[in-house]
Amino acid sequence: MNVQLMTMRELHHRMNNGIHVRLLWSETRGQLTVSVSDSRTGASFAVDVLDDEKAMDVFHHPYAYAAFHGIETSAIPESEPEMRLAA
């Protein structure tokens, strides 16, 4: 099994009612990503911030942006690369 490993830096996070939202930066990809996990349901997903989008808008409204991008918000597909936070 070939697992792609990306090191991500957490730039900002918030937690409310069991939902943890993180703004992550991948230096190797040059990409901002908003990661969402719901501890109540176990659901999680990630939204890459596109060049014409404001990162903080995606951070504050990740479910709306996920819907706009056609991303399933109940779980991340198993083919997604593993992410590790940098120290």
PDB file of N, CA and C in Angstrom:
ATOM      1  N   MET A   1       0.844  -1.179   0.000  1.00  0.00           N
ATOM      2  CA  MET A   1       0.000   0.000   0.000  1.00  0.00           C
ATOM      3  C   MET A   1       0.894   1.248   0.000  1.00  0.00           C
ATOM      4  N   ASN A   2       0.688   2.131  -0.955  1.00  0.00           N
ATOM      5  CA  ASN A   2       1.464   3.358  -1.067  1.00  0.00           C
ATOM      6  C   ASN A   2       0.696   4.490  -0.391  1.00  0.00           C
ATOM      7  N   VAL A   3       1.176   4.943   0.765  1.00  0.00           N
ATOM      8  CA  VAL A   3       0.503   5.994   1.522  1.00  0.00           C
ATOM      9  C   VAL A   3       1.255   7.296   1.310  1.00  0.00           C
ATOM     10  N   GLN A   4       0.536   8.293   0.802  1.00  0.00           N
ATOM     11  CA  GLN A   4       1.135   9.611   0.620  1.00  0.00           C
ATOM     12  C   GLN A   4       1.044  10.359   1.951  1.00  0.00           C
ATOM     13  N   LEU A   5       2.187  10.875   2.414  1.00  0.00           N
ATOM     14  CA  LEU A   5       2.235  11.563   3.693  1.00  0.00           C
ATOM     15  C   LEU A   5       2.503  13.039   3.457  1.00  0.00           C
ATOM     16  N   MET A   6       1.647  13.886   4.020  1.00  0.00           N
ATOM     17  CA  MET A   6       1.819  15.326   3.906  1.00  0.00           C
ATOM     18  C   MET A   6       1.969  15.900   5.307  1.00  0.00           C
ATOM     19  N   THR A   7       2.893  16.824   5.451  1.00  0.00           N
ATOM     20  CA  THR A   7       3.034  17.525   6.709  1.00  0.00           C
ATOM     21  C   THR A   7       2.217  18.799   6.632  1.00  0.00           C
ATOM     22  N   MET A   8       1.323  18.973   7.576  1.00  0.00           N
ATOM     23  CA  MET A   8       0.436  20.129   7.601  1.00  0.00           C
ATOM     24  C   MET A   8       0.718  20.957   8.852  1.00  0.00           C
ATOM     25  N   ARG A   9       0.688  22.264   8.701  1.00  0.00           N
ATOM     26  CA  ARG A   9       0.806  23.182   9.843  1.00  0.00           C
ATOM     27  C   ARG A   9      -0.576  23.749  10.148  1.00  0.00           C
ATOM     28  N   GLU A  10      -0.940  23.689  11.413  1.00  0.00           N
ATOM     29  CA  GLU A  10      -2.218  24.258  11.826  1.00  0.00           C
ATOM     30  C   GLU A  10      -2.045  25.758  12.031  1.00  0.00           C
ATOM     31  N   LEU A  11      -2.816  26.554  11.290  1.00  0.00           N
ATOM     32  CA  LEU A  11      -2.755  28.002  11.388  1.00  0.00           C
ATOM     33  C   LEU A  11      -3.808  28.560  12.337  1.00  0.00           C
ATOM     34  N   HIS A  12      -4.931  27.859  12.425  1.00  0.00           N
ATOM     35  CA  HIS A  12      -6.031  28.330  13.273  1.00  0.00           C
ATOM     36  C   HIS A  12      -6.956  27.146  13.536  1.00  0.00           C
ATOM     37  N   HIS A  13      -7.669  27.164  14.650  1.00  0.00           N
ATOM     38  CA  HIS A  13      -8.653  26.119  14.926  1.00  0.00           C
ATOM     39  C   HIS A  13      -9.761  26.694  15.800  1.00  0.00           C
ATOM     40  N   ARG A  14     -10.874  26.002  15.774  1.00  0.00           N
ATOM     41  CA  ARG A  14     -11.999  26.340  16.656  1.00  0.00           C
ATOM     42  C   ARG A  14     -12.777  25.065  16.910  1.00  0.00           C
ATOM     43  N   MET A  15     -13.466  25.025  18.049  1.00  0.00           N
ATOM     44  CA  MET A  15     -14.276  23.870  18.398  1.00  0.00           C
ATOM     45  C   MET A  15     -15.583  24.369  18.995  1.00  0.00           C
ATOM     46  N   ASN A  16     -16.677  23.782  18.551  1.00  0.00           N
ATOM     47  CA  ASN A  16     -17.987  24.167  19.049  1.00  0.00           C
ATOM     48  C   ASN A  16     -18.932  22.984  18.923  1.00  0.00           C
ATOM     49  N   ASN A  17     -19.557  22.609  20.013  1.00  0.00           N
ATOM     50  CA  ASN A  17     -20.580  21.565  20.015  1.00  0.00           C
ATOM     51  C   ASN A  17     -20.075  20.259  19.392  1.00  0.00           C
ATOM     52  N   GLY A  18     -18.814  19.922  19.662  1.00  0.00           N
ATOM     53  CA  GLY A  18     -18.253  18.669  19.168  1.00  0.00           C
ATOM     54  C   GLY A  18     -17.680  18.736  17.767  1.00  0.00           C
ATOM     55  N   ILE A  19     -17.764  19.880  17.109  1.00  0.00           N
ATOM     56  CA  ILE A  19     -17.234  20.035  15.759  1.00  0.00           C
ATOM     57  C   ILE A  19     -15.922  20.806  15.842  1.00  0.00           C
ATOM     58  N   HIS A  20     -14.850  20.177  15.345  1.00  0.00           N
ATOM     59  CA  HIS A  20     -13.513  20.762  15.382  1.00  0.00           C
ATOM     60  C   HIS A  20     -13.146  21.176  13.959  1.00  0.00           C
ATOM     61  N   VAL A  21     -12.872  22.472  13.773  1.00  0.00           N
ATOM     62  CA  VAL A  21     -12.509  23.026  12.463  1.00  0.00           C
ATOM     63  C   VAL A  21     -11.072  23.526  12.551  1.00  0.00           C
ATOM     64  N   ARG A  22     -10.243  23.122  11.575  1.00  0.00           N
ATOM     65  CA  ARG A  22      -8.837  23.533  11.563  1.00  0.00           C
ATOM     66  C   ARG A  22      -8.477  24.105  10.195  1.00  0.00           C
ATOM     67  N   LEU A  23      -7.724  25.194  10.204  1.00  0.00           N
ATOM     68  CA  LEU A  23      -7.162  25.761   8.985  1.00  0.00           C
ATOM     69  C   LEU A  23      -5.724  25.272   8.903  1.00  0.00           C
ATOM     70  N   LEU A  24      -5.419  24.520   7.848  1.00  0.00           N
ATOM     71  CA  LEU A  24      -4.124  23.868   7.713  1.00  0.00           C
ATOM     72  C   LEU A  24      -3.391  24.366   6.479  1.00  0.00           C
ATOM     73  N   TRP A  25      -2.062  24.414   6.560  1.00  0.00           N
ATOM     74  CA  TRP A  25      -1.220  24.832   5.450  1.00  0.00           C
ATOM     75  C   TRP A  25      -0.252  23.707   5.108  1.00  0.00           C
ATOM     76  N   SER A  26      -0.217  23.317   3.838  1.00  0.00           N
ATOM     77  CA  SER A  26       0.756  22.351   3.347  1.00  0.00           C
ATOM     78  C   SER A  26       1.806  23.115   2.559  1.00  0.00           C
ATOM     79  N   GLU A  27       2.998  23.225   3.129  1.00  0.00           N
ATOM     80  CA  GLU A  27       4.074  23.932   2.442  1.00  0.00           C
ATOM     81  C   GLU A  27       4.490  23.183   1.181  1.00  0.00           C
ATOM     82  N   THR A  28       4.503  21.850   1.241  1.00  0.00           N
ATOM     83  CA  THR A  28       4.931  21.066   0.079  1.00  0.00           C
ATOM     84  C   THR A  28       3.964  21.221  -1.092  1.00  0.00           C
ATOM     85  N   ARG A  29       2.678  21.323  -0.815  1.00  0.00           N
ATOM     86  CA  ARG A  29       1.673  21.514  -1.871  1.00  0.00           C
ATOM     87  C   ARG A  29       1.370  22.984  -2.118  1.00  0.00           C
ATOM     88  N   GLY A  30       1.761  23.852  -1.175  1.00  0.00           N
ATOM     89  CA  GLY A  30       1.413  25.265  -1.292  1.00  0.00           C
ATOM     90  C   GLY A  30      -0.090  25.452  -1.235  1.00  0.00           C
ATOM     91  N   GLN A  31      -0.741  24.711  -0.333  1.00  0.00           N
ATOM     92  CA  GLN A  31      -2.201  24.649  -0.306  1.00  0.00           C
ATOM     93  C   GLN A  31      -2.747  24.868   1.102  1.00  0.00           C
ATOM     94  N   LEU A  32      -3.785  25.698   1.195  1.00  0.00           N
ATOM     95  CA  LEU A  32      -4.558  25.836   2.432  1.00  0.00           C
ATOM     96  C   LEU A  32      -5.723  24.859   2.375  1.00  0.00           C
ATOM     97  N   THR A  33      -6.004  24.229   3.495  1.00  0.00           N
ATOM     98  CA  THR A  33      -7.101  23.275   3.591  1.00  0.00           C
ATOM     99  C   THR A  33      -7.836  23.505   4.899  1.00  0.00           C
ATOM    100  N   VAL A  34      -9.150  23.400   4.866  1.00  0.00           N
ATOM    101  CA  VAL A  34      -9.955  23.444   6.085  1.00  0.00           C
ATOM    102  C   VAL A  34     -10.418  22.024   6.355  1.00  0.00           C
ATOM    103  N   SER A  35     -10.090  21.542   7.544  1.00  0.00           N
ATOM    104  CA  SER A  35     -10.429  20.192   7.974  1.00  0.00           C
ATOM    105  C   SER A  35     -11.511  20.272   9.046  1.00  0.00           C
ATOM    106  N   VAL A  36     -12.518  19.415   8.918  1.00  0.00           N
ATOM    107  CA  VAL A  36     -13.635  19.405   9.868  1.00  0.00           C
ATOM    108  C   VAL A  36     -13.832  17.987  10.386  1.00  0.00           C
ATOM    109  N   SER A  37     -13.972  17.844  11.704  1.00  0.00           N
ATOM    110  CA  SER A  37     -14.317  16.543  12.278  1.00  0.00           C
ATOM    111  C   SER A  37     -15.393  16.743  13.339  1.00  0.00           C
ATOM    112  N   ASP A  38     -16.352  15.850  13.336  1.00  0.00           N
ATOM    113  CA  ASP A  38     -17.471  15.903  14.262  1.00  0.00           C
ATOM    114  C   ASP A  38     -17.354  14.727  15.224  1.00  0.00           C
ATOM    115  N   SER A  39     -16.998  15.010  16.469  1.00  0.00           N
ATOM    116  CA  SER A  39     -16.797  13.934  17.448  1.00  0.00           C
ATOM    117  C   SER A  39     -18.097  13.230  17.816  1.00  0.00           C
ATOM    118  N   ARG A  40     -19.227  13.864  17.578  1.00  0.00           N
ATOM    119  CA  ARG A  40     -20.515  13.240  17.916  1.00  0.00           C
ATOM    120  C   ARG A  40     -20.887  12.157  16.924  1.00  0.00           C
ATOM    121  N   THR A  41     -20.585  12.381  15.636  1.00  0.00           N
ATOM    122  CA  THR A  41     -20.987  11.431  14.598  1.00  0.00           C
ATOM    123  C   THR A  41     -19.821  10.649  14.019  1.00  0.00           C
ATOM    124  N   GLY A  42     -18.597  11.133  14.260  1.00  0.00           N
ATOM    125  CA  GLY A  42     -17.425  10.502  13.668  1.00  0.00           C
ATOM    126  C   GLY A  42     -17.166  10.948  12.240  1.00  0.00           C
ATOM    127  N   ALA A  43     -18.024  11.807  11.701  1.00  0.00           N
ATOM    128  CA  ALA A  43     -17.869  12.285  10.323  1.00  0.00           C
ATOM    129  C   ALA A  43     -16.724  13.279  10.235  1.00  0.00           C
ATOM    130  N   SER A  44     -16.045  13.284   9.089  1.00  0.00           N
ATOM    131  CA  SER A  44     -14.981  14.255   8.853  1.00  0.00           C
ATOM    132  C   SER A  44     -14.846  14.501   7.357  1.00  0.00           C
ATOM    133  N   PHE A  45     -14.327  15.678   7.017  1.00  0.00           N
ATOM    134  CA  PHE A  45     -14.082  16.019   5.622  1.00  0.00           C
ATOM    135  C   PHE A  45     -13.075  17.151   5.563  1.00  0.00           C
ATOM    136  N   ALA A  46     -12.556  17.410   4.372  1.00  0.00           N
ATOM    137  CA  ALA A  46     -11.591  18.489   4.171  1.00  0.00           C
ATOM    138  C   ALA A  46     -11.947  19.241   2.899  1.00  0.00           C
ATOM    139  N   VAL A  47     -11.737  20.557   2.936  1.00  0.00           N
ATOM    140  CA  VAL A  47     -12.003  21.424   1.786  1.00  0.00           C
ATOM    141  C   VAL A  47     -10.730  22.186   1.463  1.00  0.00           C
ATOM    142  N   ASP A  48     -10.202  22.007   0.254  1.00  0.00           N
ATOM    143  CA  ASP A  48      -9.068  22.815  -0.188  1.00  0.00           C
ATOM    144  C   ASP A  48      -9.574  24.213  -0.508  1.00  0.00           C
ATOM    145  N   VAL A  49      -8.845  25.229  -0.065  1.00  0.00           N
ATOM    146  CA  VAL A  49      -9.202  26.617  -0.339  1.00  0.00           C
ATOM    147  C   VAL A  49      -8.672  26.961  -1.735  1.00  0.00           C
ATOM    148  N   LEU A  50      -9.570  27.323  -2.632  1.00  0.00           N
ATOM    149  CA  LEU A  50      -9.179  27.660  -4.000  1.00  0.00           C
ATOM    150  C   LEU A  50      -8.594  29.062  -4.059  1.00  0.00           C
ATOM    151  N   ASP A  51      -7.858  29.351  -5.137  1.00  0.00           N
ATOM    152  CA  ASP A  51      -7.175  30.636  -5.279  1.00  0.00           C
ATOM    153  C   ASP A  51      -8.109  31.832  -5.177  1.00  0.00           C
ATOM    154  N   ASP A  52      -9.331  31.701  -5.665  1.00  0.00           N
ATOM    155  CA  ASP A  52     -10.268  32.837  -5.648  1.00  0.00           C
ATOM    156  C   ASP A  52     -11.148  32.870  -4.403  1.00  0.00           C
ATOM    157  N   GLU A  53     -10.848  32.019  -3.416  1.00  0.00           N
ATOM    158  CA  GLU A  53     -11.624  31.973  -2.178  1.00  0.00           C
ATOM    159  C   GLU A  53     -10.820  32.555  -1.022  1.00  0.00           C
ATOM    160  N   LYS A  54     -11.530  33.106  -0.057  1.00  0.00           N
ATOM    161  CA  LYS A  54     -10.902  33.636   1.154  1.00  0.00           C
ATOM    162  C   LYS A  54     -10.851  32.524   2.197  1.00  0.00           C
ATOM    163  N   ALA A  55      -9.637  32.252   2.683  1.00  0.00           N
ATOM    164  CA  ALA A  55      -9.434  31.144   3.614  1.00  0.00           C
ATOM    165  C   ALA A  55     -10.320  31.258   4.850  1.00  0.00           C
ATOM    166  N   MET A  56     -10.459  32.460   5.391  1.00  0.00           N
ATOM    167  CA  MET A  56     -11.259  32.610   6.608  1.00  0.00           C
ATOM    168  C   MET A  56     -12.750  32.417   6.328  1.00  0.00           C
ATOM    169  N   ASP A  57     -13.206  32.702   5.108  1.00  0.00           N
ATOM    170  CA  ASP A  57     -14.601  32.406   4.761  1.00  0.00           C
ATOM    171  C   ASP A  57     -14.829  30.899   4.762  1.00  0.00           C
ATOM    172  N   VAL A  58     -13.885  30.152   4.166  1.00  0.00           N
ATOM    173  CA  VAL A  58     -13.995  28.684   4.154  1.00  0.00           C
ATOM    174  C   VAL A  58     -13.910  28.157   5.582  1.00  0.00           C
ATOM    175  N   PHE A  59     -13.026  28.726   6.401  1.00  0.00           N
ATOM    176  CA  PHE A  59     -12.860  28.319   7.794  1.00  0.00           C
ATOM    177  C   PHE A  59     -14.153  28.524   8.589  1.00  0.00           C
ATOM    178  N   HIS A  60     -14.831  29.643   8.381  1.00  0.00           N
ATOM    179  CA  HIS A  60     -16.043  29.942   9.141  1.00  0.00           C
ATOM    180  C   HIS A  60     -17.297  29.276   8.578  1.00  0.00           C
ATOM    181  N   HIS A  61     -17.268  28.858   7.318  1.00  0.00           N
ATOM    182  CA  HIS A  61     -18.447  28.248   6.678  1.00  0.00           C
ATOM    183  C   HIS A  61     -18.057  26.983   5.909  1.00  0.00           C
ATOM    184  N   PRO A  62     -17.395  26.028   6.567  1.00  0.00           N
ATOM    185  CA  PRO A  62     -16.886  24.861   5.834  1.00  0.00           C
ATOM    186  C   PRO A  62     -17.973  23.978   5.223  1.00  0.00           C
ATOM    187  N   TYR A  63     -19.123  23.882   5.867  1.00  0.00           N
ATOM    188  CA  TYR A  63     -20.187  23.037   5.309  1.00  0.00           C
ATOM    189  C   TYR A  63     -20.740  23.641   4.023  1.00  0.00           C
ATOM    190  N   ALA A  64     -20.873  24.958   3.962  1.00  0.00           N
ATOM    191  CA  ALA A  64     -21.352  25.620   2.742  1.00  0.00           C
ATOM    192  C   ALA A  64     -20.347  25.434   1.606  1.00  0.00           C
ATOM    193  N   TYR A  65     -19.062  25.599   1.902  1.00  0.00           N
ATOM    194  CA  TYR A  65     -18.038  25.432   0.863  1.00  0.00           C
ATOM    195  C   TYR A  65     -17.926  23.978   0.433  1.00  0.00           C
ATOM    196  N   ALA A  66     -18.082  23.041   1.362  1.00  0.00           N
ATOM    197  CA  ALA A  66     -18.067  21.628   1.000  1.00  0.00           C
ATOM    198  C   ALA A  66     -19.213  21.320   0.033  1.00  0.00           C
ATOM    199  N   ALA A  67     -20.380  21.842   0.311  1.00  0.00           N
ATOM    200  CA  ALA A  67     -21.522  21.626  -0.582  1.00  0.00           C
ATOM    201  C   ALA A  67     -21.250  22.239  -1.953  1.00  0.00           C
ATOM    202  N   PHE A  68     -20.697  23.448  -1.980  1.00  0.00           N
ATOM    203  CA  PHE A  68     -20.381  24.125  -3.231  1.00  0.00           C
ATOM    204  C   PHE A  68     -19.367  23.329  -4.053  1.00  0.00           C
ATOM    205  N   HIS A  69     -18.397  22.694  -3.371  1.00  0.00           N
ATOM    206  CA  HIS A  69     -17.359  21.914  -4.046  1.00  0.00           C
ATOM    207  C   HIS A  69     -17.790  20.466  -4.297  1.00  0.00           C
ATOM    208  N   GLY A  70     -19.001  20.103  -3.872  1.00  0.00           N
ATOM    209  CA  GLY A  70     -19.488  18.740  -4.084  1.00  0.00           C
ATOM    210  C   GLY A  70     -18.808  17.711  -3.204  1.00  0.00           C
ATOM    211  N   ILE A  71     -18.383  18.131  -2.018  1.00  0.00           N
ATOM    212  CA  ILE A  71     -17.684  17.240  -1.082  1.00  0.00           C
ATOM    213  C   ILE A  71     -18.679  16.638  -0.102  1.00  0.00           C
ATOM    214  N   GLU A  72     -18.617  15.324   0.043  1.00  0.00           N
ATOM    215  CA  GLU A  72     -19.448  14.612   1.006  1.00  0.00           C
ATOM    216  C   GLU A  72     -18.985  14.979   2.411  1.00  0.00           C
ATOM    217  N   THR A  73     -19.889  15.391   3.266  1.00  0.00           N
ATOM    218  CA  THR A  73     -19.515  15.841   4.607  1.00  0.00           C
ATOM    219  C   THR A  73     -19.687  14.766   5.677  1.00  0.00           C
ATOM    220  N   SER A  74     -20.051  13.558   5.287  1.00  0.00           N
ATOM    221  CA  SER A  74     -20.233  12.517   6.302  1.00  0.00           C
ATOM    222  C   SER A  74     -18.954  11.745   6.578  1.00  0.00           C
ATOM    223  N   ALA A  75     -17.999  11.706   5.631  1.00  0.00           N
ATOM    224  CA  ALA A  75     -16.740  10.995   5.866  1.00  0.00           C
ATOM    225  C   ALA A  75     -15.737  11.325   4.767  1.00  0.00           C
ATOM    226  N   ILE A  76     -14.445  11.214   5.083  1.00  0.00           N
ATOM    227  CA  ILE A  76     -13.393  11.361   4.084  1.00  0.00           C
ATOM    228  C   ILE A  76     -13.199  10.008   3.420  1.00  0.00           C
ATOM    229  N   PRO A  77     -13.154   9.955   2.083  1.00  0.00           N
ATOM    230  CA  PRO A  77     -12.904   8.674   1.417  1.00  0.00           C
ATOM    231  C   PRO A  77     -11.574   8.075   1.849  1.00  0.00           C
ATOM    232  N   GLU A  78     -11.476   6.743   1.868  1.00  0.00           N
ATOM    233  CA  GLU A  78     -10.268   6.064   2.326  1.00  0.00           C
ATOM    234  C   GLU A  78      -9.062   6.377   1.454  1.00  0.00           C
ATOM    235  N   SER A  79      -9.251   6.867   0.245  1.00  0.00           N
ATOM    236  CA  SER A  79      -8.129   7.157  -0.649  1.00  0.00           C
ATOM    237  C   SER A  79      -7.447   8.477  -0.339  1.00  0.00           C
ATOM    238  N   GLU A  80      -7.970   9.251   0.592  1.00  0.00           N
ATOM    239  CA  GLU A  80      -7.361  10.537   0.942  1.00  0.00           C
ATOM    240  C   GLU A  80      -6.000  10.291   1.575  1.00  0.00           C
ATOM    241  N   PRO A  81      -4.992  11.145   1.274  1.00  0.00           N
ATOM    242  CA  PRO A  81      -3.677  10.962   1.882  1.00  0.00           C
ATOM    243  C   PRO A  81      -3.707  11.227   3.387  1.00  0.00           C
ATOM    244  N   GLU A  82      -2.816  10.559   4.086  1.00  0.00           N
ATOM    245  CA  GLU A  82      -2.688  10.752   5.531  1.00  0.00           C
ATOM    246  C   GLU A  82      -2.071  12.116   5.785  1.00  0.00           C
ATOM    247  N   MET A  83      -2.579  12.838   6.774  1.00  0.00           N
ATOM    248  CA  MET A  83      -2.041  14.152   7.108  1.00  0.00           C
ATOM    249  C   MET A  83      -1.429  14.116   8.497  1.00  0.00           C
ATOM    250  N   ARG A  84      -0.283  14.768   8.653  1.00  0.00           N
ATOM    251  CA  ARG A  84       0.401  14.825   9.933  1.00  0.00           C
ATOM    252  C   ARG A  84       0.724  16.297  10.213  1.00  0.00           C
ATOM    253  N   LEU A  85       0.465  16.748  11.425  1.00  0.00           N
ATOM    254  CA  LEU A  85       0.777  18.129  11.796  1.00  0.00           C
ATOM    255  C   LEU A  85       2.254  18.271  12.102  1.00  0.00           C
ATOM    256  N   ALA A  86       2.831  19.373  11.625  1.00  0.00           N
ATOM    257  CA  ALA A  86       4.231  19.676  11.929  1.00  0.00           C
ATOM    258  C   ALA A  86       4.330  20.250  13.332  1.00  0.00           C
ATOM    259  N   ALA A  87       5.438  20.031  13.961  1.00  0.00           N
ATOM    260  CA  ALA A  87       5.651  20.552  15.309  1.00  0.00           C
ATOM    261  C   ALA A  87       5.983  22.024  15.277  1.00  0.00           C
TER     262      ALA A  87
END
